[in-house]
């Protein structure tokens, strides 16, 4: 693995061991990747994405609640 060049390291993982490059678990090594492990790999990504979407939505709600206490701007002037 090329430690000094991050872009080259990721390209190497992408060519040689793409699933392991994302999730460092021996089940995802290119030579060992069974069909069930591949399904689990994508399932875990879907679950993580759902968690991230929920966290983002919660943050948007908190932001809206904080912003609702701020005075409303009636006009914005641009100088440029």
Foldseek 3Di string as FASTA:
>chain_A
DDPVDVVVVQVVCVVQQVLCVVPVDVCRGPVNPDPVNVVVSVVVVVVVVVVVVVVVVVVVVVVVVVCVPDDDDPDDDDDD
